[in-house]
Amino acid sequence: MAVVTLARVTGFEVVDLGATADDADRIVVEVEERHGQALFGFVRRQGLTDDQARDAVQEVLLRLWHECRGGASIDNPRGWSYRAIYRLAMDQHRLARRLRLLSDRLNIGRRTMSDPAESISDRLAVWGEVDRLPVRQRQVLYLRYRSDLSFDEIGEVLGITASAGRSHATQALATLRRRLATGEER
């Protein structure tokens, strides 16, 4: 078992705790036992569903464990966990916004969405069709609508110009509109 050296600053002296990697387990269990329900409630109040909130809590605990296991010095695991879960909630909201924008651009969702299952099946249909696009178009759409990157950032990631990224997105959206409007199969 690897030994991870943790140091705690107390006043002006540094005390070496000489902690083992098992401390990562202890820290995560402690955060989960003491603050797990509060983290769940906090992220639930950020607008996530119960399932999304449970997943977010698990994701944060896993990330905390990885950070501690990797030797990161986290002075306040509780505060770190709240920041991380807040960021996960905001990422979920950004993703949902991107999906709504993509759905609107494809003219899905113009009808009334009284049935949430319709909305989910529409989203699955859109992303299923995205998966059938040529590689570059698919990459651009994922980076734009799932990762919330600007076209300048997409250009940097893919090694293309921002205008080339816009062009790929425009072509991809036109293809998706056509396929989804006509139910076209490959």
N, C-alpha and C. Protein backbone atom coordinates (compact mmCIF):
# COMPACT_ATOMS: atom_id res chain seq x y z
N MET A 1 0.85 -1.17 0.00
CA MET A 1 0.00 0.00 0.00
C MET A 1 0.90 1.24 0.00
N ALA A 2 0.62 2.15 -0.88
CA ALA A 2 1.42 3.37 -1.00
C ALA A 2 1.16 4.29 0.19
N VAL A 3 2.20 4.97 0.60
CA VAL A 3 2.06 5.92 1.69
C VAL A 3 1.96 7.31 1.10
N VAL A 4 0.92 8.02 1.49
CA VAL A 4 0.70 9.37 1.04
C VAL A 4 1.04 10.30 2.21
N THR A 5 1.86 11.27 1.97
CA THR A 5 2.23 12.19 3.04
C THR A 5 1.29 13.37 3.03
N LEU A 6 0.61 13.55 4.13
CA LEU A 6 -0.29 14.68 4.30
C LEU A 6 0.33 15.59 5.35
N ALA A 7 0.17 16.84 5.20
CA ALA A 7 0.68 17.78 6.19
C ALA A 7 -0.45 18.71 6.61
N ARG A 8 -0.50 19.01 7.89
CA ARG A 8 -1.50 19.93 8.40
C ARG A 8 -0.75 21.11 9.03
N VAL A 9 -1.12 22.30 8.64
CA VAL A 9 -0.48 23.48 9.19
C VAL A 9 -1.28 23.91 10.41
N THR A 10 -0.62 23.91 11.55
CA THR A 10 -1.25 24.33 12.79
C THR A 10 -0.46 25.51 13.32
N GLY A 11 -1.04 26.68 13.23
CA GLY A 11 -0.29 27.86 13.64
C GLY A 11 0.90 28.04 12.72
N PHE A 12 2.11 27.96 13.32
CA PHE A 12 3.32 28.15 12.54
C PHE A 12 4.09 26.86 12.33
N GLU A 13 3.61 25.76 12.90
CA GLU A 13 4.38 24.53 12.75
C GLU A 13 3.67 23.56 11.83
N VAL A 14 4.44 22.78 11.11
CA VAL A 14 3.89 21.79 10.19
C VAL A 14 4.06 20.42 10.84
N VAL A 15 2.95 19.70 10.97
CA VAL A 15 2.98 18.38 11.58
C VAL A 15 2.75 17.36 10.48
N ASP A 16 3.66 16.41 10.31
CA ASP A 16 3.53 15.37 9.29
C ASP A 16 2.61 14.28 9.82
N LEU A 17 1.53 14.02 9.11
CA LEU A 17 0.59 13.01 9.56
C LEU A 17 0.96 11.62 9.06
N GLY A 18 1.77 11.52 8.01
CA GLY A 18 2.20 10.23 7.48
C GLY A 18 1.04 9.30 7.19
N ALA A 19 0.00 9.81 6.58
CA ALA A 19 -1.22 9.04 6.35
C ALA A 19 -1.04 8.05 5.20
N THR A 20 -1.79 6.97 5.26
CA THR A 20 -1.77 5.98 4.18
C THR A 20 -2.90 6.26 3.22
N ALA A 21 -2.89 5.52 2.13
CA ALA A 21 -3.95 5.68 1.13
C ALA A 21 -5.32 5.31 1.70
N ASP A 22 -5.34 4.55 2.81
CA ASP A 22 -6.62 4.23 3.45
C ASP A 22 -7.32 5.46 3.98
N ASP A 23 -6.55 6.54 4.19
CA ASP A 23 -7.16 7.78 4.65
C ASP A 23 -8.15 8.33 3.63
N ALA A 24 -7.93 8.05 2.36
CA ALA A 24 -8.89 8.48 1.33
C ALA A 24 -10.24 7.84 1.60
N ASP A 25 -10.21 6.55 1.93
CA ASP A 25 -11.45 5.84 2.25
C ASP A 25 -12.11 6.45 3.49
N ARG A 26 -11.31 6.71 4.50
CA ARG A 26 -11.84 7.28 5.75
C ARG A 26 -12.48 8.65 5.50
N ILE A 27 -11.80 9.48 4.72
CA ILE A 27 -12.31 10.83 4.45
C ILE A 27 -13.64 10.76 3.70
N VAL A 28 -13.70 9.91 2.70
CA VAL A 28 -14.93 9.80 1.90
C VAL A 28 -16.07 9.24 2.73
N VAL A 29 -15.79 8.21 3.53
CA VAL A 29 -16.84 7.65 4.38
C VAL A 29 -17.33 8.69 5.37
N GLU A 30 -16.41 9.45 5.93
CA GLU A 30 -16.78 10.49 6.89
C GLU A 30 -17.66 11.56 6.23
N VAL A 31 -17.28 12.01 5.04
CA VAL A 31 -18.08 13.02 4.34
C VAL A 31 -19.46 12.46 4.02
N GLU A 32 -19.50 11.21 3.56
CA GLU A 32 -20.78 10.61 3.19
C GLU A 32 -21.67 10.46 4.42
N GLU A 33 -21.11 9.97 5.53
CA GLU A 33 -21.92 9.76 6.73
C GLU A 33 -22.41 11.07 7.33
N ARG A 34 -21.52 12.05 7.40
CA ARG A 34 -21.87 13.31 8.06
C ARG A 34 -22.65 14.27 7.16
N HIS A 35 -22.34 14.25 5.85
CA HIS A 35 -22.88 15.29 4.98
C HIS A 35 -23.59 14.76 3.73
N GLY A 36 -23.69 13.45 3.60
CA GLY A 36 -24.29 12.86 2.39
C GLY A 36 -25.71 13.34 2.14
N GLN A 37 -26.55 13.30 3.18
CA GLN A 37 -27.95 13.74 3.03
C GLN A 37 -28.03 15.23 2.74
N ALA A 38 -27.17 15.99 3.39
CA ALA A 38 -27.18 17.45 3.16
C ALA A 38 -26.71 17.77 1.74
N LEU A 39 -25.71 17.03 1.26
CA LEU A 39 -25.26 17.23 -0.13
C LEU A 39 -26.39 16.89 -1.10
N PHE A 40 -27.09 15.79 -0.82
CA PHE A 40 -28.22 15.39 -1.65
C PHE A 40 -29.29 16.49 -1.65
N GLY A 41 -29.64 16.98 -0.47
CA GLY A 41 -30.65 18.04 -0.37
C GLY A 41 -30.21 19.31 -1.08
N PHE A 42 -28.94 19.66 -0.94
CA PHE A 42 -28.42 20.86 -1.59
C PHE A 42 -28.53 20.75 -3.11
N VAL A 43 -28.06 19.64 -3.66
CA VAL A 43 -28.08 19.51 -5.12
C VAL A 43 -29.51 19.31 -5.62
N ARG A 44 -30.36 18.71 -4.80
CA ARG A 44 -31.77 18.56 -5.17
C ARG A 44 -32.42 19.95 -5.29
N ARG A 45 -32.03 20.87 -4.40
CA ARG A 45 -32.56 22.23 -4.44
C ARG A 45 -31.99 23.02 -5.62
N GLN A 46 -30.98 22.49 -6.26
CA GLN A 46 -30.42 23.14 -7.45
C GLN A 46 -31.19 22.75 -8.70
N GLY A 47 -32.25 21.95 -8.53
CA GLY A 47 -33.12 21.63 -9.65
C GLY A 47 -32.91 20.27 -10.27
N LEU A 48 -32.08 19.43 -9.68
CA LEU A 48 -31.88 18.09 -10.22
C LEU A 48 -32.96 17.16 -9.70
N THR A 49 -33.24 16.12 -10.46
CA THR A 49 -34.20 15.11 -10.01
C THR A 49 -33.56 14.27 -8.91
N ASP A 50 -34.35 13.44 -8.26
CA ASP A 50 -33.80 12.58 -7.21
C ASP A 50 -32.70 11.68 -7.76
N ASP A 51 -32.95 11.08 -8.92
CA ASP A 51 -31.94 10.20 -9.52
C ASP A 51 -30.67 10.97 -9.87
N GLN A 52 -30.83 12.13 -10.47
CA GLN A 52 -29.67 12.95 -10.82
C GLN A 52 -28.92 13.38 -9.56
N ALA A 53 -29.65 13.71 -8.51
CA ALA A 53 -29.02 14.14 -7.26
C ALA A 53 -28.24 12.99 -6.63
N ARG A 54 -28.83 11.79 -6.61
CA ARG A 54 -28.11 10.62 -6.08
C ARG A 54 -26.83 10.37 -6.89
N ASP A 55 -26.95 10.45 -8.21
CA ASP A 55 -25.77 10.27 -9.06
C ASP A 55 -24.71 11.33 -8.80
N ALA A 56 -25.15 12.56 -8.59
CA ALA A 56 -24.21 13.66 -8.34
C ALA A 56 -23.47 13.44 -7.03
N VAL A 57 -24.18 13.01 -5.99
CA VAL A 57 -23.52 12.75 -4.71
C VAL A 57 -22.48 11.63 -4.88
N GLN A 58 -22.86 10.57 -5.57
CA GLN A 58 -21.91 9.48 -5.80
C GLN A 58 -20.70 9.94 -6.60
N GLU A 59 -20.95 10.77 -7.61
CA GLU A 59 -19.85 11.28 -8.44
C GLU A 59 -18.90 12.14 -7.62
N VAL A 60 -19.44 12.98 -6.76
CA VAL A 60 -18.60 13.84 -5.92
C VAL A 60 -17.78 13.00 -4.95
N LEU A 61 -18.40 12.00 -4.35
CA LEU A 61 -17.66 11.14 -3.42
C LEU A 61 -16.54 10.39 -4.14
N LEU A 62 -16.82 9.95 -5.35
CA LEU A 62 -15.79 9.27 -6.14
C LEU A 62 -14.66 10.22 -6.49
N ARG A 63 -15.01 11.43 -6.90
CA ARG A 63 -13.98 12.42 -7.22
C ARG A 63 -13.15 12.78 -5.99
N LEU A 64 -13.80 12.91 -4.85
CA LEU A 64 -13.10 13.20 -3.60
C LEU A 64 -12.12 12.07 -3.28
N TRP A 65 -12.57 10.85 -3.43
CA TRP A 65 -11.72 9.69 -3.18
C TRP A 65 -10.50 9.69 -4.10
N HIS A 66 -10.74 9.97 -5.39
CA HIS A 66 -9.63 10.02 -6.35
C HIS A 66 -8.63 11.12 -5.98
N GLU A 67 -9.15 12.28 -5.60
CA GLU A 67 -8.27 13.39 -5.23
C GLU A 67 -7.44 13.03 -4.00
N CYS A 68 -8.09 12.50 -2.98
CA CYS A 68 -7.37 12.13 -1.75
C CYS A 68 -6.39 11.00 -2.03
N ARG A 69 -6.83 10.03 -2.79
CA ARG A 69 -5.98 8.88 -3.13
C ARG A 69 -4.76 9.32 -3.94
N GLY A 70 -4.93 10.35 -4.75
CA GLY A 70 -3.84 10.87 -5.57
C GLY A 70 -2.89 11.76 -4.79
N GLY A 71 -3.16 11.97 -3.51
CA GLY A 71 -2.25 12.75 -2.69
C GLY A 71 -2.59 14.22 -2.58
N ALA A 72 -3.74 14.63 -3.10
CA ALA A 72 -4.14 16.03 -3.00
C ALA A 72 -4.41 16.38 -1.55
N SER A 73 -4.00 17.53 -1.17
CA SER A 73 -4.24 17.99 0.20
C SER A 73 -5.52 18.81 0.20
N ILE A 74 -6.58 18.23 0.71
CA ILE A 74 -7.88 18.90 0.78
C ILE A 74 -8.12 19.26 2.24
N ASP A 75 -7.98 20.54 2.53
CA ASP A 75 -8.11 21.00 3.92
C ASP A 75 -9.52 20.87 4.45
N ASN A 76 -10.51 21.06 3.57
CA ASN A 76 -11.89 21.06 3.99
C ASN A 76 -12.69 20.17 3.04
N PRO A 77 -12.70 18.84 3.28
CA PRO A 77 -13.42 17.93 2.37
C PRO A 77 -14.90 18.27 2.21
N ARG A 78 -15.51 18.77 3.28
CA ARG A 78 -16.93 19.14 3.20
C ARG A 78 -17.12 20.29 2.22
N GLY A 79 -16.33 21.35 2.36
CA GLY A 79 -16.42 22.50 1.46
C GLY A 79 -16.10 22.11 0.03
N TRP A 80 -15.07 21.27 -0.12
CA TRP A 80 -14.68 20.79 -1.45
C TRP A 80 -15.85 20.05 -2.09
N SER A 81 -16.53 19.22 -1.29
CA SER A 81 -17.65 18.43 -1.81
C SER A 81 -18.81 19.32 -2.25
N TYR A 82 -19.10 20.35 -1.46
CA TYR A 82 -20.19 21.27 -1.83
C TYR A 82 -19.85 22.03 -3.12
N ARG A 83 -18.61 22.47 -3.25
CA ARG A 83 -18.22 23.15 -4.50
C ARG A 83 -18.35 22.21 -5.69
N ALA A 84 -17.87 20.99 -5.51
CA ALA A 84 -17.91 20.02 -6.61
C ALA A 84 -19.33 19.67 -7.00
N ILE A 85 -20.21 19.49 -6.01
CA ILE A 85 -21.59 19.10 -6.34
C ILE A 85 -22.34 20.27 -6.98
N TYR A 86 -22.03 21.48 -6.55
CA TYR A 86 -22.63 22.66 -7.19
C TYR A 86 -22.22 22.72 -8.66
N ARG A 87 -20.94 22.48 -8.92
CA ARG A 87 -20.46 22.51 -10.30
C ARG A 87 -21.11 21.41 -11.14
N LEU A 88 -21.29 20.23 -10.56
CA LEU A 88 -21.98 19.16 -11.28
C LEU A 88 -23.41 19.57 -11.62
N ALA A 89 -24.09 20.20 -10.67
CA ALA A 89 -25.47 20.64 -10.94
C ALA A 89 -25.49 21.66 -12.07
N MET A 90 -24.55 22.59 -12.06
CA MET A 90 -24.50 23.60 -13.12
C MET A 90 -24.18 22.94 -14.47
N ASP A 91 -23.32 21.93 -14.46
CA ASP A 91 -23.03 21.20 -15.70
C ASP A 91 -24.29 20.52 -16.24
N GLN A 92 -25.10 19.96 -15.34
CA GLN A 92 -26.36 19.32 -15.74
C GLN A 92 -27.30 20.35 -16.38
N HIS A 93 -27.37 21.53 -15.78
CA HIS A 93 -28.24 22.58 -16.32
C HIS A 93 -27.73 23.05 -17.69
N ARG A 94 -26.42 23.18 -17.83
CA ARG A 94 -25.87 23.58 -19.13
C ARG A 94 -26.19 22.54 -20.19
N LEU A 95 -26.03 21.27 -19.84
CA LEU A 95 -26.33 20.20 -20.78
C LEU A 95 -27.81 20.24 -21.17
N ALA A 96 -28.68 20.41 -20.20
CA ALA A 96 -30.12 20.46 -20.49
C ALA A 96 -30.43 21.65 -21.40
N ARG A 97 -29.79 22.81 -21.13
CA ARG A 97 -30.00 23.98 -21.97
C ARG A 97 -29.53 23.71 -23.39
N ARG A 98 -28.38 23.09 -23.54
CA ARG A 98 -27.86 22.77 -24.87
C ARG A 98 -28.79 21.82 -25.60
N LEU A 99 -29.32 20.84 -24.90
CA LEU A 99 -30.26 19.91 -25.52
C LEU A 99 -31.52 20.63 -25.96
N ARG A 100 -32.00 21.56 -25.12
CA ARG A 100 -33.20 22.33 -25.50
C ARG A 100 -32.92 23.18 -26.74
N LEU A 101 -31.74 23.82 -26.77
CA LEU A 101 -31.38 24.64 -27.92
C LEU A 101 -31.29 23.81 -29.19
N LEU A 102 -30.65 22.66 -29.07
CA LEU A 102 -30.53 21.78 -30.23
C LEU A 102 -31.91 21.29 -30.67
N SER A 103 -32.73 20.93 -29.70
CA SER A 103 -34.08 20.47 -30.01
C SER A 103 -34.88 21.58 -30.69
N ASP A 104 -34.75 22.81 -30.19
CA ASP A 104 -35.45 23.95 -30.80
C ASP A 104 -34.96 24.19 -32.22
N ARG A 105 -33.66 24.08 -32.41
CA ARG A 105 -33.10 24.32 -33.74
C ARG A 105 -33.54 23.25 -34.73
N LEU A 106 -33.86 22.09 -34.22
CA LEU A 106 -34.32 21.00 -35.08
C LEU A 106 -35.84 20.95 -35.17
N ASN A 107 -36.50 21.97 -34.61
CA ASN A 107 -37.96 22.07 -34.60
C ASN A 107 -38.64 20.95 -33.82
N ILE A 108 -37.92 20.36 -32.91
CA ILE A 108 -38.53 19.40 -32.00
C ILE A 108 -38.87 20.19 -30.76
N GLY A 109 -39.98 19.90 -30.17
CA GLY A 109 -40.33 20.63 -28.96
C GLY A 109 -41.24 21.81 -29.25
N ARG A 110 -41.55 22.08 -30.50
CA ARG A 110 -42.48 23.16 -30.82
C ARG A 110 -43.90 22.73 -30.44
N ARG A 111 -44.11 21.43 -30.46
CA ARG A 111 -45.42 20.95 -30.02
C ARG A 111 -45.44 20.94 -28.50
N THR A 112 -46.60 20.79 -27.91
CA THR A 112 -46.70 20.81 -26.46
C THR A 112 -46.04 19.58 -25.87
N MET A 113 -45.30 19.82 -24.81
CA MET A 113 -44.59 18.73 -24.15
C MET A 113 -45.29 18.40 -22.84
N SER A 114 -46.53 17.95 -22.94
CA SER A 114 -47.23 17.61 -21.72
C SER A 114 -46.73 16.29 -21.16
N ASP A 115 -46.21 15.43 -22.02
CA ASP A 115 -45.72 14.12 -21.59
C ASP A 115 -44.19 14.15 -21.56
N PRO A 116 -43.58 14.04 -20.37
CA PRO A 116 -42.12 14.07 -20.28
C PRO A 116 -41.47 12.93 -21.06
N ALA A 117 -42.17 11.82 -21.22
CA ALA A 117 -41.61 10.70 -21.98
C ALA A 117 -41.39 11.10 -23.44
N GLU A 118 -42.28 11.93 -23.98
CA GLU A 118 -42.11 12.42 -25.35
C GLU A 118 -40.83 13.22 -25.47
N SER A 119 -40.59 14.09 -24.51
CA SER A 119 -39.40 14.92 -24.52
C SER A 119 -38.14 14.06 -24.47
N ILE A 120 -38.14 13.07 -23.62
CA ILE A 120 -36.98 12.17 -23.49
C ILE A 120 -36.78 11.38 -24.78
N SER A 121 -37.87 10.86 -25.34
CA SER A 121 -37.72 10.08 -26.57
C SER A 121 -37.25 10.96 -27.72
N ASP A 122 -37.70 12.22 -27.74
CA ASP A 122 -37.23 13.16 -28.77
C ASP A 122 -35.73 13.39 -28.62
N ARG A 123 -35.29 13.60 -27.40
CA ARG A 123 -33.86 13.82 -27.17
C ARG A 123 -33.04 12.60 -27.57
N LEU A 124 -33.54 11.43 -27.22
CA LEU A 124 -32.83 10.21 -27.60
C LEU A 124 -32.79 10.06 -29.11
N ALA A 125 -33.87 10.42 -29.77
CA ALA A 125 -33.90 10.34 -31.23
C ALA A 125 -32.89 11.31 -31.84
N VAL A 126 -32.82 12.51 -31.30
CA VAL A 126 -31.86 13.51 -31.81
C VAL A 126 -30.44 12.99 -31.66
N TRP A 127 -30.09 12.56 -30.44
CA TRP A 127 -28.71 12.12 -30.22
C TRP A 127 -28.42 10.81 -30.94
N GLY A 128 -29.42 10.00 -31.16
CA GLY A 128 -29.23 8.80 -31.98
C GLY A 128 -28.87 9.17 -33.41
N GLU A 129 -29.54 10.18 -33.93
CA GLU A 129 -29.23 10.66 -35.27
C GLU A 129 -27.86 11.35 -35.31
N VAL A 130 -27.52 12.06 -34.25
CA VAL A 130 -26.20 12.70 -34.19
C VAL A 130 -25.12 11.63 -34.32
N ASP A 131 -25.33 10.50 -33.66
CA ASP A 131 -24.34 9.41 -33.72
C ASP A 131 -24.16 8.85 -35.12
N ARG A 132 -25.12 9.08 -36.00
CA ARG A 132 -25.02 8.59 -37.38
C ARG A 132 -24.35 9.58 -38.33
N LEU A 133 -24.07 10.78 -37.85
CA LEU A 133 -23.43 11.80 -38.70
C LEU A 133 -21.97 11.45 -38.97
N PRO A 134 -21.38 12.08 -40.00
CA PRO A 134 -19.94 11.91 -40.22
C PRO A 134 -19.17 12.35 -38.97
N VAL A 135 -18.01 11.78 -38.79
CA VAL A 135 -17.23 11.97 -37.57
C VAL A 135 -17.03 13.44 -37.20
N ARG A 136 -16.58 14.26 -38.13
CA ARG A 136 -16.27 15.66 -37.81
C ARG A 136 -17.53 16.41 -37.39
N GLN A 137 -18.64 16.19 -38.10
CA GLN A 137 -19.89 16.86 -37.74
C GLN A 137 -20.35 16.41 -36.35
N ARG A 138 -20.24 15.12 -36.09
CA ARG A 138 -20.62 14.57 -34.79
C ARG A 138 -19.76 15.19 -33.67
N GLN A 139 -18.45 15.29 -33.92
CA GLN A 139 -17.55 15.87 -32.93
C GLN A 139 -17.94 17.32 -32.63
N VAL A 140 -18.21 18.08 -33.68
CA VAL A 140 -18.56 19.49 -33.49
C VAL A 140 -19.85 19.61 -32.68
N LEU A 141 -20.87 18.82 -32.99
CA LEU A 141 -22.13 18.91 -32.26
C LEU A 141 -21.96 18.50 -30.80
N TYR A 142 -21.22 17.46 -30.55
CA TYR A 142 -20.99 17.05 -29.16
C TYR A 142 -20.25 18.14 -28.38
N LEU A 143 -19.22 18.70 -29.00
CA LEU A 143 -18.46 19.74 -28.31
C LEU A 143 -19.31 20.99 -28.09
N ARG A 144 -20.14 21.31 -29.06
CA ARG A 144 -20.96 22.52 -28.96
C ARG A 144 -22.12 22.34 -27.99
N TYR A 145 -22.88 21.25 -28.14
CA TYR A 145 -24.13 21.10 -27.40
C TYR A 145 -24.02 20.24 -26.15
N ARG A 146 -22.99 19.46 -26.03
CA ARG A 146 -22.82 18.67 -24.80
C ARG A 146 -21.75 19.26 -23.91
N SER A 147 -20.68 19.79 -24.50
CA SER A 147 -19.58 20.33 -23.70
C SER A 147 -19.65 21.83 -23.56
N ASP A 148 -20.58 22.46 -24.26
CA ASP A 148 -20.81 23.89 -24.13
C ASP A 148 -19.58 24.72 -24.53
N LEU A 149 -18.88 24.28 -25.58
CA LEU A 149 -17.71 25.01 -26.06
C LEU A 149 -18.12 26.00 -27.15
N SER A 150 -17.40 27.10 -27.21
CA SER A 150 -17.62 28.06 -28.29
C SER A 150 -16.97 27.51 -29.55
N PHE A 151 -17.28 28.12 -30.69
CA PHE A 151 -16.67 27.65 -31.94
C PHE A 151 -15.16 27.90 -31.95
N ASP A 152 -14.71 28.95 -31.29
CA ASP A 152 -13.27 29.17 -31.18
C ASP A 152 -12.61 28.03 -30.41
N GLU A 153 -13.25 27.61 -29.30
CA GLU A 153 -12.71 26.51 -28.51
C GLU A 153 -12.79 25.19 -29.28
N ILE A 154 -13.86 25.00 -30.01
CA ILE A 154 -14.00 23.79 -30.83
C ILE A 154 -12.89 23.74 -31.85
N GLY A 155 -12.60 24.88 -32.47
CA GLY A 155 -11.52 24.94 -33.44
C GLY A 155 -10.19 24.54 -32.83
N GLU A 156 -9.93 25.01 -31.61
CA GLU A 156 -8.69 24.65 -30.93
C GLU A 156 -8.62 23.16 -30.64
N VAL A 157 -9.72 22.60 -30.18
CA VAL A 157 -9.76 21.18 -29.84
C VAL A 157 -9.55 20.31 -31.07
N LEU A 158 -10.23 20.65 -32.16
CA LEU A 158 -10.20 19.81 -33.36
C LEU A 158 -9.12 20.21 -34.36
N GLY A 159 -8.45 21.33 -34.10
CA GLY A 159 -7.42 21.78 -35.02
C GLY A 159 -7.98 22.33 -36.33
N ILE A 160 -9.14 22.99 -36.22
CA ILE A 160 -9.77 23.60 -37.39
C ILE A 160 -10.07 25.06 -37.04
N THR A 161 -10.51 25.82 -38.02
CA THR A 161 -10.88 27.21 -37.74
C THR A 161 -12.28 27.24 -37.13
N ALA A 162 -12.59 28.35 -36.48
CA ALA A 162 -13.93 28.52 -35.90
C ALA A 162 -14.99 28.49 -36.99
N SER A 163 -14.69 29.09 -38.13
CA SER A 163 -15.68 29.10 -39.22
C SER A 163 -15.89 27.69 -39.79
N ALA A 164 -14.85 26.88 -39.81
CA ALA A 164 -15.02 25.49 -40.25
C ALA A 164 -15.91 24.74 -39.26
N GLY A 165 -15.74 25.02 -37.97
CA GLY A 165 -16.60 24.41 -36.96
C GLY A 165 -18.05 24.82 -37.14
N ARG A 166 -18.28 26.11 -37.43
CA ARG A 166 -19.65 26.58 -37.70
C ARG A 166 -20.24 25.90 -38.92
N SER A 167 -19.42 25.74 -39.94
CA SER A 167 -19.86 25.10 -41.17
C SER A 167 -20.26 23.64 -40.92
N HIS A 168 -19.43 22.94 -40.17
CA HIS A 168 -19.76 21.54 -39.84
C HIS A 168 -21.06 21.48 -39.04
N ALA A 169 -21.24 22.40 -38.10
CA ALA A 169 -22.46 22.42 -37.29
C ALA A 169 -23.68 22.71 -38.16
N THR A 170 -23.56 23.67 -39.07
CA THR A 170 -24.67 24.02 -39.95
C THR A 170 -25.06 22.83 -40.83
N GLN A 171 -24.07 22.17 -41.41
CA GLN A 171 -24.34 21.00 -42.24
C GLN A 171 -24.99 19.88 -41.43
N ALA A 172 -24.46 19.67 -40.23
CA ALA A 172 -24.99 18.60 -39.38
C ALA A 172 -26.44 18.89 -38.99
N LEU A 173 -26.74 20.13 -38.61
CA LEU A 173 -28.10 20.47 -38.22
C LEU A 173 -29.07 20.35 -39.39
N ALA A 174 -28.62 20.72 -40.58
CA ALA A 174 -29.48 20.57 -41.77
C ALA A 174 -29.77 19.10 -42.02
N THR A 175 -28.76 18.26 -41.89
CA THR A 175 -28.95 16.81 -42.07
C THR A 175 -29.90 16.26 -41.02
N LEU A 176 -29.72 16.69 -39.79
CA LEU A 176 -30.60 16.21 -38.72
C LEU A 176 -32.04 16.66 -38.93
N ARG A 177 -32.23 17.91 -39.34
CA ARG A 177 -33.60 18.39 -39.61
C ARG A 177 -34.26 17.54 -40.69
N ARG A 178 -33.53 17.30 -41.75
CA ARG A 178 -34.07 16.51 -42.85
C ARG A 178 -34.41 15.09 -42.39
N ARG A 179 -33.48 14.46 -41.69
CA ARG A 179 -33.71 13.07 -41.26
C ARG A 179 -34.85 12.96 -40.26
N LEU A 180 -34.90 13.89 -39.33
CA LEU A 180 -35.94 13.81 -38.30
C LEU A 180 -37.31 14.21 -38.85
N ALA A 181 -37.34 15.11 -39.82
CA ALA A 181 -38.62 15.54 -40.40
C ALA A 181 -39.22 14.44 -41.27
N THR A 182 -38.37 13.72 -41.97
CA THR A 182 -38.87 12.71 -42.90
C THR A 182 -38.78 11.31 -42.33
N GLY A 183 -38.15 11.15 -41.18
CA GLY A 183 -37.98 9.82 -40.62
C GLY A 183 -37.02 9.00 -41.47
N GLU A 184 -36.14 9.69 -42.18
CA GLU A 184 -35.21 9.05 -43.10
C GLU A 184 -34.29 8.07 -42.36
N GLU A 185 -34.13 6.93 -42.93
CA GLU A 185 -33.20 5.94 -42.39
C GLU A 185 -31.96 5.95 -43.23
N ARG A 186 -30.92 5.42 -42.69
CA ARG A 186 -29.63 5.38 -43.39
C ARG A 186 -29.70 4.53 -44.63
